[in-house]
Amino acid sequence: MLASFLVLFAAEWGDLSQLLTITLVARYDAPGSVFLGALAALLTVSGLAVVAGKALANRVPLHLLMYGGAGVCLVLEALTLYELLA
């Protein structure tokens, strides 16, 4: 459990949504309102991901989803390499 926490903590550190939330708190000096808005946004996006993922998993075999995800990662890798080398 600790290893999972540390990996996720490191991956999410400096996330753009965190930086935006910090900026909003600093700009409007309303930490409570920003916290509630950020929490509502996170819960909404997470809920949509769960619902969409469940619906997709019911209609598409898991191995095809895994190949699709791998394909997206390969495309993103190719685009990143192109950006770095161009």
Protein backbone atom coordinates (compact mmCIF):
# COMPACT_ATOMS: atom_id res chain seq x y z
CA MET A 1 0.00 0.00 0.00
CA LEU A 2 2.84 2.39 0.81
CA ALA A 3 4.54 1.68 -2.52
CA SER A 4 1.29 2.39 -4.39
CA PHE A 5 0.82 5.62 -2.47
CA LEU A 6 4.37 6.76 -3.18
CA VAL A 7 4.15 5.97 -6.89
CA LEU A 8 0.88 7.86 -7.25
CA PHE A 9 2.14 10.74 -5.12
CA ALA A 10 5.26 11.09 -7.28
CA ALA A 11 3.26 10.82 -10.51
CA GLU A 12 0.75 13.46 -9.49
CA TRP A 13 3.21 15.93 -7.96
CA GLY A 14 3.18 19.10 -10.01
CA ASP A 15 0.06 18.08 -11.92
CA LEU A 16 -1.46 20.97 -13.90
CA SER A 17 -4.70 20.75 -11.94
CA GLN A 18 -2.75 21.18 -8.69
CA LEU A 19 -0.95 24.19 -10.10
CA LEU A 20 -4.24 25.69 -11.28
CA THR A 21 -5.82 25.13 -7.87
CA ILE A 22 -2.88 26.81 -6.12
CA THR A 23 -3.10 29.73 -8.54
CA LEU A 24 -6.83 30.15 -7.94
CA VAL A 25 -6.34 30.16 -4.16
CA ALA A 26 -3.59 32.76 -4.46
CA ARG A 27 -5.56 34.94 -6.86
CA TYR A 28 -8.97 34.94 -5.17
CA ASP A 29 -7.96 34.26 -1.55
CA ALA A 30 -10.87 31.85 -1.18
CA PRO A 31 -9.36 28.48 -0.26
CA GLY A 32 -12.68 26.98 0.84
CA SER A 33 -14.48 27.79 -2.39
CA VAL A 34 -11.55 26.65 -4.53
CA PHE A 35 -11.30 23.41 -2.54
CA LEU A 36 -15.00 22.67 -3.02
CA GLY A 37 -14.81 23.48 -6.73
CA ALA A 38 -11.70 21.35 -7.26
CA LEU A 39 -13.24 18.48 -5.28
CA ALA A 40 -16.47 18.68 -7.28
CA ALA A 41 -14.51 18.68 -10.54
CA LEU A 42 -12.41 15.69 -9.46
CA LEU A 43 -15.47 13.71 -8.36
CA THR A 44 -17.29 14.54 -11.60
CA VAL A 45 -14.39 13.53 -13.85
CA SER A 46 -13.74 10.37 -11.84
CA GLY A 47 -17.42 9.42 -11.92
CA LEU A 48 -17.60 9.96 -15.67
CA ALA A 49 -14.48 7.84 -16.15
CA VAL A 50 -16.00 5.01 -14.10
CA VAL A 51 -19.33 5.12 -15.96
CA ALA A 52 -17.71 5.39 -19.40
CA GLY A 53 -15.15 2.70 -18.56
CA LYS A 54 -17.84 0.32 -17.34
CA ALA A 55 -19.96 0.91 -20.44
CA LEU A 56 -16.94 0.42 -22.71
CA ALA A 57 -15.85 -2.74 -20.88
CA ASN A 58 -19.34 -4.20 -21.31
CA ARG A 59 -19.22 -3.70 -25.09
CA VAL A 60 -15.57 -4.26 -26.01
CA PRO A 61 -13.44 -7.26 -25.00
CA LEU A 62 -10.73 -6.45 -22.48
CA HIS A 63 -7.86 -7.60 -24.71
CA LEU A 64 -8.97 -5.15 -27.42
CA LEU A 65 -9.06 -2.32 -24.89
CA MET A 66 -5.54 -3.23 -23.80
CA TYR A 67 -4.28 -3.27 -27.41
CA GLY A 68 -6.03 0.05 -28.00
CA GLY A 69 -4.38 1.58 -24.94
CA ALA A 70 -1.00 0.27 -26.06
CA GLY A 71 -1.60 1.74 -29.50
CA VAL A 72 -2.40 5.15 -28.04
CA CYS A 73 0.78 5.00 -25.96
CA LEU A 74 2.83 4.14 -29.06
CA VAL A 75 1.33 7.06 -30.98
CA LEU A 76 2.08 9.41 -28.10
CA GLU A 77 5.64 8.08 -27.92
CA ALA A 78 6.12 8.65 -31.65
CA LEU A 79 4.76 12.19 -31.40
CA THR A 80 7.03 12.92 -28.44
CA LEU A 81 10.08 11.62 -30.27
CA TYR A 82 9.14 13.65 -33.34
CA GLU A 83 8.81 16.80 -31.21
CA LEU A 84 12.18 16.15 -29.56
CA LEU A 85 14.04 15.42 -32.78
CA ALA A 86 12.39 18.00 -35.06
